[in-house]
């Protein structure tokens, strides 16, 4: 079985939302090299630009989760479970 055939089989087992995410990732990966962000250049990017990019990615990622998904609540619960209350 070829690598492409293996990939197609794996894609068939993904949910619709995960396939959309994969397609988005593939589109970004297939951009011409000059349009892709080079990680080695990130040290030259001002912190504010990086924070804006991270916030944009966070907002975009929200569409891949159910509307009732509350990452802040999950974070707080995990921190409480791991470290206990700090109040």
PDB file of N, CA and C in Angstrom:
ATOM      1  N   UNK A   1       0.853  -1.177   0.000  1.00  0.00           N
ATOM      2  CA  UNK A   1       0.000   0.000   0.000  1.00  0.00           C
ATOM      3  C   UNK A   1       0.904   1.246   0.000  1.00  0.00           C
ATOM      4  N   UNK A   2       0.582   2.183  -0.852  1.00  0.00           N
ATOM      5  CA  UNK A   2       1.381   3.406  -0.951  1.00  0.00           C
ATOM      6  C   UNK A   2       1.092   4.343   0.228  1.00  0.00           C
ATOM      7  N   UNK A   3       1.956   5.299   0.411  1.00  0.00           N
ATOM      8  CA  UNK A   3       1.781   6.282   1.479  1.00  0.00           C
ATOM      9  C   UNK A   3       0.490   7.072   1.261  1.00  0.00           C
ATOM     10  N   UNK A   4       0.213   7.421   0.020  1.00  0.00           N
ATOM     11  CA  UNK A   4      -1.011   8.164  -0.282  1.00  0.00           C
ATOM     12  C   UNK A   4      -2.252   7.348   0.067  1.00  0.00           C
ATOM     13  N   UNK A   5      -2.225   6.051  -0.217  1.00  0.00           N
ATOM     14  CA  UNK A   5      -3.359   5.196   0.120  1.00  0.00           C
ATOM     15  C   UNK A   5      -3.538   5.094   1.636  1.00  0.00           C
ATOM     16  N   UNK A   6      -2.437   5.020   2.353  1.00  0.00           N
ATOM     17  CA  UNK A   6      -2.511   5.001   3.808  1.00  0.00           C
ATOM     18  C   UNK A   6      -3.123   6.298   4.332  1.00  0.00           C
ATOM     19  N   UNK A   7      -2.710   7.420   3.742  1.00  0.00           N
ATOM     20  CA  UNK A   7      -3.236   8.720   4.159  1.00  0.00           C
ATOM     21  C   UNK A   7      -4.740   8.796   3.913  1.00  0.00           C
ATOM     22  N   UNK A   8      -5.191   8.309   2.769  1.00  0.00           N
ATOM     23  CA  UNK A   8      -6.618   8.333   2.447  1.00  0.00           C
ATOM     24  C   UNK A   8      -7.397   7.484   3.443  1.00  0.00           C
ATOM     25  N   UNK A   9      -6.880   6.322   3.793  1.00  0.00           N
ATOM     26  CA  UNK A   9      -7.551   5.471   4.776  1.00  0.00           C
ATOM     27  C   UNK A   9      -7.649   6.181   6.126  1.00  0.00           C
ATOM     28  N   UNK A  10      -6.585   6.848   6.529  1.00  0.00           N
ATOM     29  CA  UNK A  10      -6.594   7.568   7.800  1.00  0.00           C
ATOM     30  C   UNK A  10      -7.608   8.706   7.770  1.00  0.00           C
ATOM     31  N   UNK A  11      -7.676   9.415   6.651  1.00  0.00           N
ATOM     32  CA  UNK A  11      -8.609  10.536   6.514  1.00  0.00           C
ATOM     33  C   UNK A  11     -10.049  10.049   6.629  1.00  0.00           C
ATOM     34  N   UNK A  12     -10.335   8.875   6.067  1.00  0.00           N
ATOM     35  CA  UNK A  12     -11.702   8.335   6.139  1.00  0.00           C
ATOM     36  C   UNK A  12     -12.139   8.084   7.576  1.00  0.00           C
ATOM     37  N   UNK A  13     -11.202   7.869   8.484  1.00  0.00           N
ATOM     38  CA  UNK A  13     -11.570   7.596   9.873  1.00  0.00           C
ATOM     39  C   UNK A  13     -11.705   8.873  10.716  1.00  0.00           C
ATOM     40  N   UNK A  14     -11.376  10.030  10.147  1.00  0.00           N
ATOM     41  CA  UNK A  14     -11.452  11.296  10.879  1.00  0.00           C
ATOM     42  C   UNK A  14     -12.869  11.859  10.877  1.00  0.00           C
ATOM     43  N   UNK A  15     -13.170  12.665  11.883  1.00  0.00           N
ATOM     44  CA  UNK A  15     -14.448  13.371  11.909  1.00  0.00           C
ATOM     45  C   UNK A  15     -14.420  14.489  10.858  1.00  0.00           C
ATOM     46  N   UNK A  16     -15.585  14.987  10.544  1.00  0.00           N
ATOM     47  CA  UNK A  16     -15.700  16.071   9.551  1.00  0.00           C
ATOM     48  C   UNK A  16     -14.893  17.300   9.975  1.00  0.00           C
ATOM     49  N   UNK A  17     -14.973  17.657  11.254  1.00  0.00           N
ATOM     50  CA  UNK A  17     -14.232  18.814  11.751  1.00  0.00           C
ATOM     51  C   UNK A  17     -12.725  18.602  11.652  1.00  0.00           C
ATOM     52  N   UNK A  18     -12.276  17.399  11.964  1.00  0.00           N
ATOM     53  CA  UNK A  18     -10.838  17.118  11.874  1.00  0.00           C
ATOM     54  C   UNK A  18     -10.352  17.137  10.425  1.00  0.00           C
ATOM     55  N   UNK A  19     -11.202  16.704   9.507  1.00  0.00           N
ATOM     56  CA  UNK A  19     -10.832  16.760   8.087  1.00  0.00           C
ATOM     57  C   UNK A  19     -10.704  18.217   7.651  1.00  0.00           C
ATOM     58  N   UNK A  20     -11.618  19.070   8.114  1.00  0.00           N
ATOM     59  CA  UNK A  20     -11.521  20.502   7.784  1.00  0.00           C
ATOM     60  C   UNK A  20     -10.209  21.081   8.312  1.00  0.00           C
ATOM     61  N   UNK A  21      -9.863  20.723   9.557  1.00  0.00           N
ATOM     62  CA  UNK A  21      -8.617  21.197  10.158  1.00  0.00           C
ATOM     63  C   UNK A  21      -7.425  20.705   9.339  1.00  0.00           C
ATOM     64  N   UNK A  22      -7.446  19.445   8.935  1.00  0.00           N
ATOM     65  CA  UNK A  22      -6.362  18.872   8.149  1.00  0.00           C
ATOM     66  C   UNK A  22      -6.225  19.585   6.806  1.00  0.00           C
ATOM     67  N   UNK A  23      -7.336  19.867   6.173  1.00  0.00           N
ATOM     68  CA  UNK A  23      -7.307  20.582   4.893  1.00  0.00           C
ATOM     69  C   UNK A  23      -6.706  21.970   5.075  1.00  0.00           C
ATOM     70  N   UNK A  24      -7.113  22.655   6.143  1.00  0.00           N
ATOM     71  CA  UNK A  24      -6.555  23.980   6.424  1.00  0.00           C
ATOM     72  C   UNK A  24      -5.049  23.889   6.628  1.00  0.00           C
ATOM     73  N   UNK A  25      -4.620  22.896   7.397  1.00  0.00           N
ATOM     74  CA  UNK A  25      -3.191  22.690   7.631  1.00  0.00           C
ATOM     75  C   UNK A  25      -2.458  22.416   6.315  1.00  0.00           C
ATOM     76  N   UNK A  26      -3.032  21.573   5.477  1.00  0.00           N
ATOM     77  CA  UNK A  26      -2.393  21.233   4.203  1.00  0.00           C
ATOM     78  C   UNK A  26      -2.286  22.466   3.304  1.00  0.00           C
ATOM     79  N   UNK A  27      -3.319  23.299   3.307  1.00  0.00           N
ATOM     80  CA  UNK A  27      -3.265  24.522   2.501  1.00  0.00           C
ATOM     81  C   UNK A  27      -2.121  25.417   2.960  1.00  0.00           C
ATOM     82  N   UNK A  28      -1.971  25.548   4.283  1.00  0.00           N
ATOM     83  CA  UNK A  28      -0.879  26.376   4.805  1.00  0.00           C
ATOM     84  C   UNK A  28       0.477  25.759   4.459  1.00  0.00           C
ATOM     85  N   UNK A  29       0.567  24.441   4.581  1.00  0.00           N
ATOM     86  CA  UNK A  29       1.813  23.738   4.310  1.00  0.00           C
ATOM     87  C   UNK A  29       2.208  23.850   2.842  1.00  0.00           C
ATOM     88  N   UNK A  30       1.218  23.948   1.974  1.00  0.00           N
ATOM     89  CA  UNK A  30       1.483  23.966   0.535  1.00  0.00           C
ATOM     90  C   UNK A  30       1.701  25.375  -0.013  1.00  0.00           C
ATOM     91  N   UNK A  31       1.651  26.381   0.863  1.00  0.00           N
ATOM     92  CA  UNK A  31       1.933  27.745   0.407  1.00  0.00           C
ATOM     93  C   UNK A  31       3.348  27.820  -0.146  1.00  0.00           C
ATOM     94  N   UNK A  32       3.569  28.715  -1.081  1.00  0.00           N
ATOM     95  CA  UNK A  32       4.949  28.914  -1.536  1.00  0.00           C
ATOM     96  C   UNK A  32       5.839  29.281  -0.353  1.00  0.00           C
ATOM     97  N   UNK A  33       7.083  28.865  -0.379  1.00  0.00           N
ATOM     98  CA  UNK A  33       7.994  29.044   0.750  1.00  0.00           C
ATOM     99  C   UNK A  33       8.048  30.495   1.209  1.00  0.00           C
ATOM    100  N   UNK A  34       7.988  31.445   0.298  1.00  0.00           N
ATOM    101  CA  UNK A  34       8.095  32.848   0.700  1.00  0.00           C
ATOM    102  C   UNK A  34       6.872  33.327   1.477  1.00  0.00           C
ATOM    103  N   UNK A  35       5.738  32.605   1.364  1.00  0.00           N
ATOM    104  CA  UNK A  35       4.530  32.978   2.095  1.00  0.00           C
ATOM    105  C   UNK A  35       4.421  32.299   3.454  1.00  0.00           C
ATOM    106  N   UNK A  36       5.251  31.278   3.702  1.00  0.00           N
ATOM    107  CA  UNK A  36       5.216  30.558   4.980  1.00  0.00           C
ATOM    108  C   UNK A  36       6.086  31.261   5.996  1.00  0.00           C
ATOM    109  N   UNK A  37       5.670  31.177   7.270  1.00  0.00           N
ATOM    110  CA  UNK A  37       6.469  31.764   8.343  1.00  0.00           C
ATOM    111  C   UNK A  37       7.641  30.840   8.637  1.00  0.00           C
ATOM    112  N   UNK A  38       8.844  31.351   8.573  1.00  0.00           N
ATOM    113  CA  UNK A  38      10.047  30.590   8.883  1.00  0.00           C
ATOM    114  C   UNK A  38      10.317  30.728  10.377  1.00  0.00           C
ATOM    115  N   UNK A  39      10.266  29.606  11.088  1.00  0.00           N
ATOM    116  CA  UNK A  39      10.431  29.636  12.540  1.00  0.00           C
ATOM    117  C   UNK A  39      11.768  30.236  12.931  1.00  0.00           C
ATOM    118  N   UNK A  40      12.800  30.032  12.122  1.00  0.00           N
ATOM    119  CA  UNK A  40      14.109  30.582  12.462  1.00  0.00           C
ATOM    120  C   UNK A  40      14.105  32.102  12.440  1.00  0.00           C
ATOM    121  N   UNK A  41      13.126  32.700  11.767  1.00  0.00           N
ATOM    122  CA  UNK A  41      13.045  34.160  11.705  1.00  0.00           C
ATOM    123  C   UNK A  41      12.220  34.744  12.849  1.00  0.00           C
ATOM    124  N   UNK A  42      11.596  33.902  13.649  1.00  0.00           N
ATOM    125  CA  UNK A  42      10.702  34.393  14.683  1.00  0.00           C
ATOM    126  C   UNK A  42      11.425  35.237  15.730  1.00  0.00           C
ATOM    127  N   UNK A  43      12.711  35.026  15.899  1.00  0.00           N
ATOM    128  CA  UNK A  43      13.435  35.828  16.885  1.00  0.00           C
ATOM    129  C   UNK A  43      13.520  37.291  16.463  1.00  0.00           C
ATOM    130  N   UNK A  44      13.314  37.558  15.167  1.00  0.00           N
ATOM    131  CA  UNK A  44      13.368  38.931  14.670  1.00  0.00           C
ATOM    132  C   UNK A  44      12.004  39.615  14.657  1.00  0.00           C
ATOM    133  N   UNK A  45      10.949  38.883  15.025  1.00  0.00           N
ATOM    134  CA  UNK A  45       9.599  39.428  15.006  1.00  0.00           C
ATOM    135  C   UNK A  45       9.300  40.044  16.369  1.00  0.00           C
ATOM    136  N   UNK A  46       8.813  41.264  16.398  1.00  0.00           N
ATOM    137  CA  UNK A  46       8.474  41.881  17.687  1.00  0.00           C
ATOM    138  C   UNK A  46       7.466  41.042  18.460  1.00  0.00           C
ATOM    139  N   UNK A  47       7.588  41.048  19.796  1.00  0.00           N
ATOM    140  CA  UNK A  47       6.710  40.244  20.649  1.00  0.00           C
ATOM    141  C   UNK A  47       5.238  40.543  20.392  1.00  0.00           C
ATOM    142  N   UNK A  48       4.902  41.778  20.144  1.00  0.00           N
ATOM    143  CA  UNK A  48       3.502  42.134  19.933  1.00  0.00           C
ATOM    144  C   UNK A  48       2.946  41.419  18.708  1.00  0.00           C
ATOM    145  N   UNK A  49       3.721  41.333  17.636  1.00  0.00           N
ATOM    146  CA  UNK A  49       3.270  40.630  16.436  1.00  0.00           C
ATOM    147  C   UNK A  49       3.019  39.161  16.740  1.00  0.00           C
ATOM    148  N   UNK A  50       3.912  38.542  17.524  1.00  0.00           N
ATOM    149  CA  UNK A  50       3.737  37.138  17.890  1.00  0.00           C
ATOM    150  C   UNK A  50       2.488  36.951  18.728  1.00  0.00           C
ATOM    151  N   UNK A  51       2.246  37.850  19.659  1.00  0.00           N
ATOM    152  CA  UNK A  51       1.059  37.748  20.501  1.00  0.00           C
ATOM    153  C   UNK A  51      -0.215  37.917  19.678  1.00  0.00           C
ATOM    154  N   UNK A  52      -0.195  38.831  18.718  1.00  0.00           N
ATOM    155  CA  UNK A  52      -1.356  39.021  17.850  1.00  0.00           C
ATOM    156  C   UNK A  52      -1.598  37.773  17.001  1.00  0.00           C
ATOM    157  N   UNK A  53      -0.527  37.171  16.507  1.00  0.00           N
ATOM    158  CA  UNK A  53      -0.645  35.948  15.716  1.00  0.00           C
ATOM    159  C   UNK A  53      -1.201  34.811  16.574  1.00  0.00           C
ATOM    160  N   UNK A  54      -0.709  34.685  17.796  1.00  0.00           N
ATOM    161  CA  UNK A  54      -1.205  33.635  18.689  1.00  0.00           C
ATOM    162  C   UNK A  54      -2.679  33.843  19.018  1.00  0.00           C
ATOM    163  N   UNK A  55      -3.085  35.074  19.242  1.00  0.00           N
ATOM    164  CA  UNK A  55      -4.483  35.367  19.537  1.00  0.00           C
ATOM    165  C   UNK A  55      -5.364  35.043  18.331  1.00  0.00           C
ATOM    166  N   UNK A  56      -4.891  35.374  17.136  1.00  0.00           N
ATOM    167  CA  UNK A  56      -5.637  35.055  15.917  1.00  0.00           C
ATOM    168  C   UNK A  56      -5.781  33.539  15.764  1.00  0.00           C
ATOM    169  N   UNK A  57      -4.717  32.796  16.055  1.00  0.00           N
ATOM    170  CA  UNK A  57      -4.776  31.335  15.978  1.00  0.00           C
ATOM    171  C   UNK A  57      -5.739  30.782  17.025  1.00  0.00           C
ATOM    172  N   UNK A  58      -5.740  31.344  18.228  1.00  0.00           N
ATOM    173  CA  UNK A  58      -6.646  30.892  19.289  1.00  0.00           C
ATOM    174  C   UNK A  58      -8.103  31.095  18.876  1.00  0.00           C
ATOM    175  N   UNK A  59      -8.386  32.254  18.298  1.00  0.00           N
ATOM    176  CA  UNK A  59      -9.751  32.554  17.867  1.00  0.00           C
ATOM    177  C   UNK A  59     -10.171  31.607  16.747  1.00  0.00           C
ATOM    178  N   UNK A  60      -9.278  31.367  15.808  1.00  0.00           N
ATOM    179  CA  UNK A  60      -9.602  30.468  14.697  1.00  0.00           C
ATOM    180  C   UNK A  60      -9.804  29.039  15.191  1.00  0.00           C
ATOM    181  N   UNK A  61      -8.995  28.608  16.165  1.00  0.00           N
ATOM    182  CA  UNK A  61      -9.098  27.242  16.685  1.00  0.00           C
ATOM    183  C   UNK A  61     -10.421  27.016  17.403  1.00  0.00           C
ATOM    184  N   UNK A  62     -11.027  28.070  17.942  1.00  0.00           N
ATOM    185  CA  UNK A  62     -12.301  27.936  18.651  1.00  0.00           C
ATOM    186  C   UNK A  62     -13.363  27.291  17.778  1.00  0.00           C
ATOM    187  N   UNK A  63     -13.327  27.537  16.481  1.00  0.00           N
ATOM    188  CA  UNK A  63     -14.355  26.987  15.596  1.00  0.00           C
ATOM    189  C   UNK A  63     -14.256  25.468  15.466  1.00  0.00           C
ATOM    190  N   UNK A  64     -13.155  24.882  15.886  1.00  0.00           N
ATOM    191  CA  UNK A  64     -12.982  23.440  15.787  1.00  0.00           C
ATOM    192  C   UNK A  64     -13.479  22.709  17.034  1.00  0.00           C
ATOM    193  N   UNK A  65     -13.904  23.435  18.042  1.00  0.00           N
ATOM    194  CA  UNK A  65     -14.372  22.842  19.286  1.00  0.00           C
ATOM    195  C   UNK A  65     -15.857  23.094  19.449  1.00  0.00           C
ATOM    196  N   UNK A  66     -16.535  22.226  20.201  1.00  0.00           N
ATOM    197  CA  UNK A  66     -17.964  22.466  20.457  1.00  0.00           C
ATOM    198  C   UNK A  66     -18.171  23.804  21.162  1.00  0.00           C
ATOM    199  N   UNK A  67     -19.326  24.407  20.971  1.00  0.00           N
ATOM    200  CA  UNK A  67     -19.590  25.729  21.546  1.00  0.00           C
ATOM    201  C   UNK A  67     -19.541  25.710  23.074  1.00  0.00           C
ATOM    202  N   UNK A  68     -19.858  24.563  23.682  1.00  0.00           N
ATOM    203  CA  UNK A  68     -19.838  24.494  25.144  1.00  0.00           C
ATOM    204  C   UNK A  68     -18.437  24.261  25.708  1.00  0.00           C
ATOM    205  N   UNK A  69     -17.443  24.079  24.861  1.00  0.00           N
ATOM    206  CA  UNK A  69     -16.067  23.853  25.303  1.00  0.00           C
ATOM    207  C   UNK A  69     -15.518  25.147  25.899  1.00  0.00           C
ATOM    208  N   UNK A  70     -15.081  25.083  27.146  1.00  0.00           N
ATOM    209  CA  UNK A  70     -14.553  26.253  27.845  1.00  0.00           C
ATOM    210  C   UNK A  70     -13.118  25.956  28.270  1.00  0.00           C
ATOM    211  N   UNK A  71     -12.165  26.385  27.473  1.00  0.00           N
ATOM    212  CA  UNK A  71     -10.761  26.072  27.749  1.00  0.00           C
ATOM    213  C   UNK A  71     -10.285  26.706  29.050  1.00  0.00           C
ATOM    214  N   UNK A  72     -10.772  27.888  29.368  1.00  0.00           N
ATOM    215  CA  UNK A  72     -10.375  28.542  30.624  1.00  0.00           C
ATOM    216  C   UNK A  72     -10.840  27.725  31.828  1.00  0.00           C
ATOM    217  N   UNK A  73     -12.068  27.215  31.767  1.00  0.00           N
ATOM    218  CA  UNK A  73     -12.603  26.408  32.863  1.00  0.00           C
ATOM    219  C   UNK A  73     -11.805  25.111  33.003  1.00  0.00           C
ATOM    220  N   UNK A  74     -11.495  24.475  31.877  1.00  0.00           N
ATOM    221  CA  UNK A  74     -10.715  23.236  31.901  1.00  0.00           C
ATOM    222  C   UNK A  74      -9.335  23.500  32.489  1.00  0.00           C
ATOM    223  N   UNK A  75      -8.736  24.615  32.102  1.00  0.00           N
ATOM    224  CA  UNK A  75      -7.416  24.990  32.643  1.00  0.00           C
ATOM    225  C   UNK A  75      -7.490  25.167  34.159  1.00  0.00           C
ATOM    226  N   UNK A  76      -8.489  25.920  34.609  1.00  0.00           N
ATOM    227  CA  UNK A  76      -8.641  26.170  36.051  1.00  0.00           C
ATOM    228  C   UNK A  76      -8.860  24.874  36.822  1.00  0.00           C
ATOM    229  N   UNK A  77      -9.698  23.986  36.281  1.00  0.00           N
ATOM    230  CA  UNK A  77      -9.957  22.714  36.953  1.00  0.00           C
ATOM    231  C   UNK A  77      -8.688  21.855  37.012  1.00  0.00           C
ATOM    232  N   UNK A  78      -7.929  21.845  35.946  1.00  0.00           N
ATOM    233  CA  UNK A  78      -6.689  21.067  35.915  1.00  0.00           C
ATOM    234  C   UNK A  78      -5.673  21.629  36.912  1.00  0.00           C
ATOM    235  N   UNK A  79      -5.580  22.946  36.991  1.00  0.00           N
ATOM    236  CA  UNK A  79      -4.646  23.569  37.932  1.00  0.00           C
ATOM    237  C   UNK A  79      -5.076  23.292  39.370  1.00  0.00           C
ATOM    238  N   UNK A  80      -6.377  23.355  39.624  1.00  0.00           N
ATOM    239  CA  UNK A  80      -6.909  23.068  40.954  1.00  0.00           C
ATOM    240  C   UNK A  80      -6.603  21.618  41.336  1.00  0.00           C
ATOM    241  N   UNK A  81      -6.835  20.706  40.394  1.00  0.00           N
ATOM    242  CA  UNK A  81      -6.578  19.287  40.668  1.00  0.00           C
ATOM    243  C   UNK A  81      -5.090  19.037  40.912  1.00  0.00           C
ATOM    244  N   UNK A  82      -4.262  19.685  40.132  1.00  0.00           N
ATOM    245  CA  UNK A  82      -2.815  19.452  40.230  1.00  0.00           C
ATOM    246  C   UNK A  82      -2.192  20.134  41.452  1.00  0.00           C
ATOM    247  N   UNK A  83      -2.567  21.380  41.687  1.00  0.00           N
ATOM    248  CA  UNK A  83      -1.874  22.178  42.706  1.00  0.00           C
ATOM    249  C   UNK A  83      -2.735  22.584  43.892  1.00  0.00           C
ATOM    250  N   UNK A  84      -4.041  22.347  43.817  1.00  0.00           N
ATOM    251  CA  UNK A  84      -4.914  22.752  44.898  1.00  0.00           C
ATOM    252  C   UNK A  84      -5.265  24.230  44.806  1.00  0.00           C
ATOM    253  N   UNK A  85      -6.033  24.686  45.740  1.00  0.00           N
ATOM    254  CA  UNK A  85      -6.466  26.080  45.743  1.00  0.00           C
ATOM    255  C   UNK A  85      -5.345  26.985  46.244  1.00  0.00           C
ATOM    256  N   UNK A  86      -5.172  28.109  45.590  1.00  0.00           N
ATOM    257  CA  UNK A  86      -4.160  29.076  46.009  1.00  0.00           C
ATOM    258  C   UNK A  86      -4.796  30.276  46.688  1.00  0.00           C
ATOM    259  N   UNK A  87      -6.113  30.270  46.812  1.00  0.00           N
ATOM    260  CA  UNK A  87      -6.839  31.375  47.460  1.00  0.00           C
ATOM    261  C   UNK A  87      -6.906  31.181  48.947  1.00  0.00           C
TER     262      UNK A  87
END
